[in-house]
């Protein structure tokens, strides 16, 4: 899904989210919705 999202973006489309259910659990259970490289690393 990540590769598909990147390909779609390179073809001029919008960059779609490719978060899995596991990633969403990690993000919602342990982290805040802020966007940063540190938060992404923790996710």
ModelCIF file with pLDDT and N, C-alpha, C, O atoms, coordinates in Angstrom:
data_MODEL
#
_entry.id   MODEL 
#
_entity.id                         1 
_entity.type                       polymer 
_entity.pdbx_number_of_molecules   1 
#
_entity_poly.entity_id                      1 
_entity_poly.type                           'polypeptide(L)' 
_entity_poly.nstd_linkage                   no 
_entity_poly.nstd_monomer                   no 
_entity_poly.pdbx_seq_one_letter_code       
;(UNK)(UNK)(UNK)(UNK)(UNK)(UNK)(UNK)(UNK)(UNK)(UNK)(UNK)(UNK)(UNK)(UNK)(UNK)(UNK)
(UNK)(UNK)(UNK)(UNK)(UNK)(UNK)(UNK)(UNK)(UNK)(UNK)(UNK)(UNK)(UNK)(UNK)(UNK)(UNK)
(UNK)(UNK)(UNK)(UNK)(UNK)(UNK)(UNK)(UNK)(UNK)(UNK)(UNK)
;
_entity_poly.pdbx_seq_one_letter_code_can   XXXXXXXXXXXXXXXXXXXXXXXXXXXXXXXXXXXXXXXXXXX 
_entity_poly.pdbx_strand_id                 A 
#
loop_
_entity_poly_seq.entity_id 
_entity_poly_seq.num 
_entity_poly_seq.mon_id 
_entity_poly_seq.hetero 
1 1  UNK n 
1 2  UNK n 
1 3  UNK n 
1 4  UNK n 
1 5  UNK n 
1 6  UNK n 
1 7  UNK n 
1 8  UNK n 
1 9  UNK n 
1 10 UNK n 
1 11 UNK n 
1 12 UNK n 
1 13 UNK n 
1 14 UNK n 
1 15 UNK n 
1 16 UNK n 
1 17 UNK n 
1 18 UNK n 
1 19 UNK n 
1 20 UNK n 
1 21 UNK n 
1 22 UNK n 
1 23 UNK n 
1 24 UNK n 
1 25 UNK n 
1 26 UNK n 
1 27 UNK n 
1 28 UNK n 
1 29 UNK n 
1 30 UNK n 
1 31 UNK n 
1 32 UNK n 
1 33 UNK n 
1 34 UNK n 
1 35 UNK n 
1 36 UNK n 
1 37 UNK n 
1 38 UNK n 
1 39 UNK n 
1 40 UNK n 
1 41 UNK n 
1 42 UNK n 
1 43 UNK n 
#
_struct_asym.id          A 
_struct_asym.entity_id   1 
#
loop_
_ma_qa_metric.id 
_ma_qa_metric.mode 
_ma_qa_metric.name 
_ma_qa_metric.software_group_id 
_ma_qa_metric.type 
1 global pLDDT . pLDDT 
2 local  pLDDT . pLDDT 
#
_ma_qa_metric_global.metric_id      1 
_ma_qa_metric_global.metric_value   77.26 
_ma_qa_metric_global.model_id       1 
_ma_qa_metric_global.ordinal_id     1 
#
loop_
_ma_qa_metric_local.label_asym_id 
_ma_qa_metric_local.label_comp_id 
_ma_qa_metric_local.label_seq_id 
_ma_qa_metric_local.metric_id 
_ma_qa_metric_local.metric_value 
_ma_qa_metric_local.model_id 
_ma_qa_metric_local.ordinal_id 
A UNK 1  2 65.00 1 1  
A UNK 2  2 64.00 1 2  
A UNK 3  2 64.00 1 3  
A UNK 4  2 63.00 1 4  
A UNK 5  2 60.00 1 5  
A UNK 6  2 61.00 1 6  
A UNK 7  2 56.00 1 7  
A UNK 8  2 56.00 1 8  
A UNK 9  2 49.00 1 9  
A UNK 10 2 61.00 1 10 
A UNK 11 2 56.00 1 11 
A UNK 12 2 56.00 1 12 
A UNK 13 2 53.00 1 13 
A UNK 14 2 54.00 1 14 
A UNK 15 2 45.00 1 15 
A UNK 16 2 52.00 1 16 
A UNK 17 2 56.00 1 17 
A UNK 18 2 63.00 1 18 
A UNK 19 2 88.00 1 19 
A UNK 20 2 95.00 1 20 
A UNK 21 2 97.00 1 21 
A UNK 22 2 96.00 1 22 
A UNK 23 2 96.00 1 23 
A UNK 24 2 96.00 1 24 
A UNK 25 2 97.00 1 25 
A UNK 26 2 96.00 1 26 
A UNK 27 2 95.00 1 27 
A UNK 28 2 95.00 1 28 
A UNK 29 2 97.00 1 29 
A UNK 30 2 96.00 1 30 
A UNK 31 2 94.00 1 31 
A UNK 32 2 85.00 1 32 
A UNK 33 2 83.00 1 33 
A UNK 34 2 78.00 1 34 
A UNK 35 2 80.00 1 35 
A UNK 36 2 84.00 1 36 
A UNK 37 2 88.00 1 37 
A UNK 38 2 89.00 1 38 
A UNK 39 2 90.00 1 39 
A UNK 40 2 90.00 1 40 
A UNK 41 2 93.00 1 41 
A UNK 42 2 95.00 1 42 
A UNK 43 2 95.00 1 43 
#
loop_
_atom_site.group_PDB 
_atom_site.id 
_atom_site.type_symbol 
_atom_site.label_atom_id 
_atom_site.label_alt_id 
_atom_site.label_comp_id 
_atom_site.label_asym_id 
_atom_site.label_entity_id 
_atom_site.label_seq_id 
_atom_site.pdbx_PDB_ins_code 
_atom_site.Cartn_x 
_atom_site.Cartn_y 
_atom_site.Cartn_z 
_atom_site.occupancy 
_atom_site.B_iso_or_equiv 
_atom_site.pdbx_formal_charge 
_atom_site.auth_seq_id 
_atom_site.auth_comp_id 
_atom_site.auth_asym_id 
_atom_site.auth_atom_id 
_atom_site.pdbx_PDB_model_num 
ATOM 1   N N  . UNK A 1 1  ? 0.829  -1.213 0.000   1.00 65.00 ? 1  UNK A N  1 
ATOM 2   C CA . UNK A 1 1  ? 0.000  0.000  0.000   1.00 65.00 ? 1  UNK A CA 1 
ATOM 3   C C  . UNK A 1 1  ? 0.860  1.259  0.000   1.00 65.00 ? 1  UNK A C  1 
ATOM 4   O O  . UNK A 1 1  ? 0.513  2.254  -0.636  1.00 65.00 ? 1  UNK A O  1 
ATOM 5   N N  . UNK A 1 2  ? 1.982  1.212  0.715   1.00 64.00 ? 2  UNK A N  1 
ATOM 6   C CA . UNK A 1 2  ? 2.890  2.360  0.752   1.00 64.00 ? 2  UNK A CA 1 
ATOM 7   C C  . UNK A 1 2  ? 3.447  2.643  -0.638  1.00 64.00 ? 2  UNK A C  1 
ATOM 8   O O  . UNK A 1 2  ? 3.489  3.793  -1.077  1.00 64.00 ? 2  UNK A O  1 
ATOM 9   N N  . UNK A 1 3  ? 3.879  1.571  -1.336  1.00 64.00 ? 3  UNK A N  1 
ATOM 10  C CA . UNK A 1 3  ? 4.411  1.737  -2.683  1.00 64.00 ? 3  UNK A CA 1 
ATOM 11  C C  . UNK A 1 3  ? 3.340  2.229  -3.643  1.00 64.00 ? 3  UNK A C  1 
ATOM 12  O O  . UNK A 1 3  ? 3.606  3.064  -4.507  1.00 64.00 ? 3  UNK A O  1 
ATOM 13  N N  . UNK A 1 4  ? 2.122  1.704  -3.486  1.00 63.00 ? 4  UNK A N  1 
ATOM 14  C CA . UNK A 1 4  ? 1.006  2.132  -4.336  1.00 63.00 ? 4  UNK A CA 1 
ATOM 15  C C  . UNK A 1 4  ? 0.690  3.608  -4.123  1.00 63.00 ? 4  UNK A C  1 
ATOM 16  O O  . UNK A 1 4  ? 0.408  4.334  -5.076  1.00 63.00 ? 4  UNK A O  1 
ATOM 17  N N  . UNK A 1 5  ? 0.741  4.048  -2.860  1.00 60.00 ? 5  UNK A N  1 
ATOM 18  C CA . UNK A 1 5  ? 0.487  5.452  -2.535  1.00 60.00 ? 5  UNK A CA 1 
ATOM 19  C C  . UNK A 1 5  ? 1.551  6.355  -3.149  1.00 60.00 ? 5  UNK A C  1 
ATOM 20  O O  . UNK A 1 5  ? 1.242  7.425  -3.674  1.00 60.00 ? 5  UNK A O  1 
ATOM 21  N N  . UNK A 1 6  ? 2.799  5.917  -3.079  1.00 61.00 ? 6  UNK A N  1 
ATOM 22  C CA . UNK A 1 6  ? 3.901  6.700  -3.655  1.00 61.00 ? 6  UNK A CA 1 
ATOM 23  C C  . UNK A 1 6  ? 3.769  6.783  -5.167  1.00 61.00 ? 6  UNK A C  1 
ATOM 24  O O  . UNK A 1 6  ? 3.955  7.848  -5.756  1.00 61.00 ? 6  UNK A O  1 
ATOM 25  N N  . UNK A 1 7  ? 3.447  5.652  -5.798  1.00 56.00 ? 7  UNK A N  1 
ATOM 26  C CA . UNK A 1 7  ? 3.281  5.626  -7.258  1.00 56.00 ? 7  UNK A CA 1 
ATOM 27  C C  . UNK A 1 7  ? 2.154  6.557  -7.696  1.00 56.00 ? 7  UNK A C  1 
ATOM 28  O O  . UNK A 1 7  ? 2.276  7.279  -8.686  1.00 56.00 ? 7  UNK A O  1 
ATOM 29  N N  . UNK A 1 8  ? 1.058  6.527  -6.942  1.00 56.00 ? 8  UNK A N  1 
ATOM 30  C CA . UNK A 1 8  ? -0.072 7.399  -7.263  1.00 56.00 ? 8  UNK A CA 1 
ATOM 31  C C  . UNK A 1 8  ? 0.317  8.874  -7.156  1.00 56.00 ? 8  UNK A C  1 
ATOM 32  O O  . UNK A 1 8  ? -0.089 9.697  -7.977  1.00 56.00 ? 8  UNK A O  1 
ATOM 33  N N  . UNK A 1 9  ? 1.102  9.190  -6.140  1.00 49.00 ? 9  UNK A N  1 
ATOM 34  C CA . UNK A 1 9  ? 1.556  10.571 -5.944  1.00 49.00 ? 9  UNK A CA 1 
ATOM 35  C C  . UNK A 1 9  ? 2.510  11.003 -7.067  1.00 49.00 ? 9  UNK A C  1 
ATOM 36  O O  . UNK A 1 9  ? 2.430  12.129 -7.557  1.00 49.00 ? 9  UNK A O  1 
ATOM 37  N N  . UNK A 1 10 ? 3.406  10.102 -7.467  1.00 61.00 ? 10 UNK A N  1 
ATOM 38  C CA . UNK A 1 10 ? 4.356  10.409 -8.534  1.00 61.00 ? 10 UNK A CA 1 
ATOM 39  C C  . UNK A 1 10 ? 3.652  10.606 -9.877  1.00 61.00 ? 10 UNK A C  1 
ATOM 40  O O  . UNK A 1 10 ? 4.153  11.311 -10.754 1.00 61.00 ? 10 UNK A O  1 
ATOM 41  N N  . UNK A 1 11 ? 2.483  9.973  -10.027 1.00 56.00 ? 11 UNK A N  1 
ATOM 42  C CA . UNK A 1 11 ? 1.699  10.113 -11.255 1.00 56.00 ? 11 UNK A CA 1 
ATOM 43  C C  . UNK A 1 11 ? 0.792  11.340 -11.240 1.00 56.00 ? 11 UNK A C  1 
ATOM 44  O O  . UNK A 1 11 ? -0.003 11.545 -12.157 1.00 56.00 ? 11 UNK A O  1 
ATOM 45  N N  . UNK A 1 12 ? 0.918  12.156 -10.188 1.00 56.00 ? 12 UNK A N  1 
ATOM 46  C CA . UNK A 1 12 ? 0.148  13.386 -10.125 1.00 56.00 ? 12 UNK A CA 1 
ATOM 47  C C  . UNK A 1 12 ? -1.067 13.336 -9.228  1.00 56.00 ? 12 UNK A C  1 
ATOM 48  O O  . UNK A 1 12 ? -1.785 14.327 -9.101  1.00 56.00 ? 12 UNK A O  1 
ATOM 49  N N  . UNK A 1 13 ? -1.307 12.204 -8.607  1.00 53.00 ? 13 UNK A N  1 
ATOM 50  C CA . UNK A 1 13 ? -2.453 12.074 -7.714  1.00 53.00 ? 13 UNK A CA 1 
ATOM 51  C C  . UNK A 1 13 ? -2.134 12.558 -6.312  1.00 53.00 ? 13 UNK A C  1 
ATOM 52  O O  . UNK A 1 13 ? -1.022 13.010 -6.038  1.00 53.00 ? 13 UNK A O  1 
ATOM 53  N N  . UNK A 1 14 ? -3.117 12.462 -5.426  1.00 54.00 ? 14 UNK A N  1 
ATOM 54  C CA . UNK A 1 14 ? -2.909 12.866 -4.040  1.00 54.00 ? 14 UNK A CA 1 
ATOM 55  C C  . UNK A 1 14 ? -2.167 11.776 -3.283  1.00 54.00 ? 14 UNK A C  1 
ATOM 56  O O  . UNK A 1 14 ? -2.293 10.590 -3.586  1.00 54.00 ? 14 UNK A O  1 
ATOM 57  N N  . UNK A 1 15 ? -1.385 12.205 -2.287  1.00 45.00 ? 15 UNK A N  1 
ATOM 58  C CA . UNK A 1 15 ? -0.657 11.247 -1.457  1.00 45.00 ? 15 UNK A CA 1 
ATOM 59  C C  . UNK A 1 15 ? -1.614 10.651 -0.437  1.00 45.00 ? 15 UNK A C  1 
ATOM 60  O O  . UNK A 1 15 ? -1.988 11.306 0.536   1.00 45.00 ? 15 UNK A O  1 
ATOM 61  N N  . UNK A 1 16 ? -2.012 9.395  -0.670  1.00 52.00 ? 16 UNK A N  1 
ATOM 62  C CA . UNK A 1 16 ? -2.970 8.735  0.205   1.00 52.00 ? 16 UNK A CA 1 
ATOM 63  C C  . UNK A 1 16 ? -2.277 8.183  1.449   1.00 52.00 ? 16 UNK A C  1 
ATOM 64  O O  . UNK A 1 16 ? -1.099 7.825  1.427   1.00 52.00 ? 16 UNK A O  1 
ATOM 65  N N  . UNK A 1 17 ? -3.040 8.130  2.519   1.00 56.00 ? 17 UNK A N  1 
ATOM 66  C CA . UNK A 1 17 ? -2.524 7.514  3.731   1.00 56.00 ? 17 UNK A CA 1 
ATOM 67  C C  . UNK A 1 17 ? -2.438 6.006  3.563   1.00 56.00 ? 17 UNK A C  1 
ATOM 68  O O  . UNK A 1 17 ? -3.272 5.405  2.887   1.00 56.00 ? 17 UNK A O  1 
ATOM 69  N N  . UNK A 1 18 ? -1.432 5.391  4.175   1.00 63.00 ? 18 UNK A N  1 
ATOM 70  C CA . UNK A 1 18 ? -1.268 3.939  4.064   1.00 63.00 ? 18 UNK A CA 1 
ATOM 71  C C  . UNK A 1 18 ? -1.078 3.321  5.438   1.00 63.00 ? 18 UNK A C  1 
ATOM 72  O O  . UNK A 1 18 ? -0.417 2.293  5.577   1.00 63.00 ? 18 UNK A O  1 
ATOM 73  N N  . UNK A 1 19 ? -1.660 3.951  6.455   1.00 88.00 ? 19 UNK A N  1 
ATOM 74  C CA . UNK A 1 19 ? -1.516 3.438  7.819   1.00 88.00 ? 19 UNK A CA 1 
ATOM 75  C C  . UNK A 1 19 ? -2.317 2.157  7.994   1.00 88.00 ? 19 UNK A C  1 
ATOM 76  O O  . UNK A 1 19 ? -3.478 2.077  7.592   1.00 88.00 ? 19 UNK A O  1 
ATOM 77  N N  . UNK A 1 20 ? -1.694 1.171  8.589   1.00 95.00 ? 20 UNK A N  1 
ATOM 78  C CA . UNK A 1 20 ? -2.371 -0.087 8.877   1.00 95.00 ? 20 UNK A CA 1 
ATOM 79  C C  . UNK A 1 20 ? -3.151 0.031  10.186  1.00 95.00 ? 20 UNK A C  1 
ATOM 80  O O  . UNK A 1 20 ? -3.017 1.016  10.912  1.00 95.00 ? 20 UNK A O  1 
ATOM 81  N N  . UNK A 1 21 ? -3.957 -0.972 10.477  1.00 97.00 ? 21 UNK A N  1 
ATOM 82  C CA . UNK A 1 21 ? -4.668 -1.007 11.750  1.00 97.00 ? 21 UNK A CA 1 
ATOM 83  C C  . UNK A 1 21 ? -3.665 -1.043 12.906  1.00 97.00 ? 21 UNK A C  1 
ATOM 84  O O  . UNK A 1 21 ? -3.888 -0.413 13.940  1.00 97.00 ? 21 UNK A O  1 
ATOM 85  N N  . UNK A 1 22 ? -2.582 -1.762 12.738  1.00 96.00 ? 22 UNK A N  1 
ATOM 86  C CA . UNK A 1 22 ? -1.540 -1.834 13.777  1.00 96.00 ? 22 UNK A CA 1 
ATOM 87  C C  . UNK A 1 22 ? -0.944 -0.462 14.044  1.00 96.00 ? 22 UNK A C  1 
ATOM 88  O O  . UNK A 1 22 ? -0.750 -0.084 15.200  1.00 96.00 ? 22 UNK A O  1 
ATOM 89  N N  . UNK A 1 23 ? -0.653 0.285  12.990  1.00 96.00 ? 23 UNK A N  1 
ATOM 90  C CA . UNK A 1 23 ? -0.107 1.632  13.143  1.00 96.00 ? 23 UNK A CA 1 
ATOM 91  C C  . UNK A 1 23 ? -1.107 2.561  13.826  1.00 96.00 ? 23 UNK A C  1 
ATOM 92  O O  . UNK A 1 23 ? -0.726 3.393  14.649  1.00 96.00 ? 23 UNK A O  1 
ATOM 93  N N  . UNK A 1 24 ? -2.372 2.418  13.486  1.00 96.00 ? 24 UNK A N  1 
ATOM 94  C CA . UNK A 1 24 ? -3.395 3.266  14.092  1.00 96.00 ? 24 UNK A CA 1 
ATOM 95  C C  . UNK A 1 24 ? -3.559 2.956  15.574  1.00 96.00 ? 24 UNK A C  1 
ATOM 96  O O  . UNK A 1 24 ? -3.791 3.862  16.375  1.00 96.00 ? 24 UNK A O  1 
ATOM 97  N N  . UNK A 1 25 ? -3.441 1.686  15.944  1.00 97.00 ? 25 UNK A N  1 
ATOM 98  C CA . UNK A 1 25 ? -3.488 1.325  17.363  1.00 97.00 ? 25 UNK A CA 1 
ATOM 99  C C  . UNK A 1 25 ? -2.309 1.957  18.100  1.00 97.00 ? 25 UNK A C  1 
ATOM 100 O O  . UNK A 1 25 ? -2.479 2.555  19.163  1.00 97.00 ? 25 UNK A O  1 
ATOM 101 N N  . UNK A 1 26 ? -1.109 1.821  17.525  1.00 96.00 ? 26 UNK A N  1 
ATOM 102 C CA . UNK A 1 26 ? 0.094  2.399  18.150  1.00 96.00 ? 26 UNK A CA 1 
ATOM 103 C C  . UNK A 1 26 ? -0.059 3.903  18.321  1.00 96.00 ? 26 UNK A C  1 
ATOM 104 O O  . UNK A 1 26 ? 0.279  4.454  19.369  1.00 96.00 ? 26 UNK A O  1 
ATOM 105 N N  . UNK A 1 27 ? -0.568 4.559  17.292  1.00 95.00 ? 27 UNK A N  1 
ATOM 106 C CA . UNK A 1 27 ? -0.710 6.016  17.309  1.00 95.00 ? 27 UNK A CA 1 
ATOM 107 C C  . UNK A 1 27 ? -1.772 6.474  18.301  1.00 95.00 ? 27 UNK A C  1 
ATOM 108 O O  . UNK A 1 27 ? -1.529 7.380  19.098  1.00 95.00 ? 27 UNK A O  1 
ATOM 109 N N  . UNK A 1 28 ? -2.946 5.850  18.256  1.00 95.00 ? 28 UNK A N  1 
ATOM 110 C CA . UNK A 1 28 ? -4.060 6.293  19.101  1.00 95.00 ? 28 UNK A CA 1 
ATOM 111 C C  . UNK A 1 28 ? -3.899 5.898  20.564  1.00 95.00 ? 28 UNK A C  1 
ATOM 112 O O  . UNK A 1 28 ? -4.336 6.620  21.460  1.00 95.00 ? 28 UNK A O  1 
ATOM 113 N N  . UNK A 1 29 ? -3.275 4.761  20.801  1.00 97.00 ? 29 UNK A N  1 
ATOM 114 C CA . UNK A 1 29 ? -3.159 4.255  22.165  1.00 97.00 ? 29 UNK A CA 1 
ATOM 115 C C  . UNK A 1 29 ? -2.033 4.947  22.936  1.00 97.00 ? 29 UNK A C  1 
ATOM 116 O O  . UNK A 1 29 ? -2.178 5.232  24.125  1.00 97.00 ? 29 UNK A O  1 
ATOM 117 N N  . UNK A 1 30 ? -0.911 5.219  22.258  1.00 96.00 ? 30 UNK A N  1 
ATOM 118 C CA . UNK A 1 30 ? 0.278  5.693  22.969  1.00 96.00 ? 30 UNK A CA 1 
ATOM 119 C C  . UNK A 1 30 ? 0.704  7.125  22.652  1.00 96.00 ? 30 UNK A C  1 
ATOM 120 O O  . UNK A 1 30 ? 1.467  7.717  23.415  1.00 96.00 ? 30 UNK A O  1 
ATOM 121 N N  . UNK A 1 31 ? 0.224  7.698  21.538  1.00 94.00 ? 31 UNK A N  1 
ATOM 122 C CA . UNK A 1 31 ? 0.780  8.957  21.057  1.00 94.00 ? 31 UNK A CA 1 
ATOM 123 C C  . UNK A 1 31 ? -0.292 10.005 20.795  1.00 94.00 ? 31 UNK A C  1 
ATOM 124 O O  . UNK A 1 31 ? -1.484 9.700  20.793  1.00 94.00 ? 31 UNK A O  1 
ATOM 125 N N  . UNK A 1 32 ? 0.139  11.232 20.575  1.00 85.00 ? 32 UNK A N  1 
ATOM 126 C CA . UNK A 1 32 ? -0.768 12.320 20.210  1.00 85.00 ? 32 UNK A CA 1 
ATOM 127 C C  . UNK A 1 32 ? -0.819 12.420 18.684  1.00 85.00 ? 32 UNK A C  1 
ATOM 128 O O  . UNK A 1 32 ? 0.049  11.876 18.001  1.00 85.00 ? 32 UNK A O  1 
ATOM 129 N N  . UNK A 1 33 ? -1.830 13.113 18.141  1.00 83.00 ? 33 UNK A N  1 
ATOM 130 C CA . UNK A 1 33 ? -1.946 13.214 16.679  1.00 83.00 ? 33 UNK A CA 1 
ATOM 131 C C  . UNK A 1 33 ? -1.010 14.228 16.036  1.00 83.00 ? 33 UNK A C  1 
ATOM 132 O O  . UNK A 1 33 ? -1.127 14.482 14.837  1.00 83.00 ? 33 UNK A O  1 
ATOM 133 N N  . UNK A 1 34 ? -0.098 14.809 16.782  1.00 78.00 ? 34 UNK A N  1 
ATOM 134 C CA . UNK A 1 34 ? 0.835  15.781 16.208  1.00 78.00 ? 34 UNK A CA 1 
ATOM 135 C C  . UNK A 1 34 ? 1.711  15.106 15.156  1.00 78.00 ? 34 UNK A C  1 
ATOM 136 O O  . UNK A 1 34 ? 1.951  13.900 15.212  1.00 78.00 ? 34 UNK A O  1 
ATOM 137 N N  . UNK A 1 35 ? 2.183  15.900 14.198  1.00 80.00 ? 35 UNK A N  1 
ATOM 138 C CA . UNK A 1 35 ? 2.997  15.360 13.113  1.00 80.00 ? 35 UNK A CA 1 
ATOM 139 C C  . UNK A 1 35 ? 4.437  15.844 13.251  1.00 80.00 ? 35 UNK A C  1 
ATOM 140 O O  . UNK A 1 35 ? 4.711  17.044 13.203  1.00 80.00 ? 35 UNK A O  1 
ATOM 141 N N  . UNK A 1 36 ? 5.343  14.899 13.422  1.00 84.00 ? 36 UNK A N  1 
ATOM 142 C CA . UNK A 1 36 ? 6.765  15.210 13.488  1.00 84.00 ? 36 UNK A CA 1 
ATOM 143 C C  . UNK A 1 36 ? 7.542  13.922 13.248  1.00 84.00 ? 36 UNK A C  1 
ATOM 144 O O  . UNK A 1 36 ? 6.986  12.828 13.347  1.00 84.00 ? 36 UNK A O  1 
ATOM 145 N N  . UNK A 1 37 ? 8.820  14.054 12.933  1.00 88.00 ? 37 UNK A N  1 
ATOM 146 C CA . UNK A 1 37 ? 9.649  12.870 12.702  1.00 88.00 ? 37 UNK A CA 1 
ATOM 147 C C  . UNK A 1 37 ? 9.803  12.050 13.985  1.00 88.00 ? 37 UNK A C  1 
ATOM 148 O O  . UNK A 1 37 ? 9.862  10.822 13.942  1.00 88.00 ? 37 UNK A O  1 
ATOM 149 N N  . UNK A 1 38 ? 9.867  12.738 15.120  1.00 89.00 ? 38 UNK A N  1 
ATOM 150 C CA . UNK A 1 38 ? 9.986  12.030 16.397  1.00 89.00 ? 38 UNK A CA 1 
ATOM 151 C C  . UNK A 1 38 ? 8.744  11.190 16.658  1.00 89.00 ? 38 UNK A C  1 
ATOM 152 O O  . UNK A 1 38 ? 8.849  10.020 17.026  1.00 89.00 ? 38 UNK A O  1 
ATOM 153 N N  . UNK A 1 39 ? 7.555  11.789 16.467  1.00 90.00 ? 39 UNK A N  1 
ATOM 154 C CA . UNK A 1 39 ? 6.317  11.052 16.690  1.00 90.00 ? 39 UNK A CA 1 
ATOM 155 C C  . UNK A 1 39 ? 6.185  9.882  15.724  1.00 90.00 ? 39 UNK A C  1 
ATOM 156 O O  . UNK A 1 39 ? 5.721  8.805  16.098  1.00 90.00 ? 39 UNK A O  1 
ATOM 157 N N  . UNK A 1 40 ? 6.597  10.104 14.474  1.00 90.00 ? 40 UNK A N  1 
ATOM 158 C CA . UNK A 1 40 ? 6.538  9.022  13.490  1.00 90.00 ? 40 UNK A CA 1 
ATOM 159 C C  . UNK A 1 40 ? 7.482  7.893  13.886  1.00 90.00 ? 40 UNK A C  1 
ATOM 160 O O  . UNK A 1 40 ? 7.150  6.717  13.736  1.00 90.00 ? 40 UNK A O  1 
ATOM 161 N N  . UNK A 1 41 ? 8.660  8.256  14.392  1.00 93.00 ? 41 UNK A N  1 
ATOM 162 C CA . UNK A 1 41 ? 9.593  7.234  14.852  1.00 93.00 ? 41 UNK A CA 1 
ATOM 163 C C  . UNK A 1 41 ? 9.035  6.432  16.013  1.00 93.00 ? 41 UNK A C  1 
ATOM 164 O O  . UNK A 1 41 ? 9.212  5.216  16.078  1.00 93.00 ? 41 UNK A O  1 
ATOM 165 N N  . UNK A 1 42 ? 8.355  7.118  16.938  1.00 95.00 ? 42 UNK A N  1 
ATOM 166 C CA . UNK A 1 42 ? 7.729  6.428  18.070  1.00 95.00 ? 42 UNK A CA 1 
ATOM 167 C C  . UNK A 1 42 ? 6.589  5.530  17.598  1.00 95.00 ? 42 UNK A C  1 
ATOM 168 O O  . UNK A 1 42 ? 6.368  4.450  18.146  1.00 95.00 ? 42 UNK A O  1 
ATOM 169 N N  . UNK A 1 43 ? 5.869  5.989  16.577  1.00 95.00 ? 43 UNK A N  1 
ATOM 170 C CA . UNK A 1 43 ? 4.789  5.168  16.013  1.00 95.00 ? 43 UNK A CA 1 
ATOM 171 C C  . UNK A 1 43 ? 5.346  3.861  15.446  1.00 95.00 ? 43 UNK A C  1 
ATOM 172 O O  . UNK A 1 43 ? 4.589  3.040  14.929  1.00 95.00 ? 43 UNK A O  1 
#
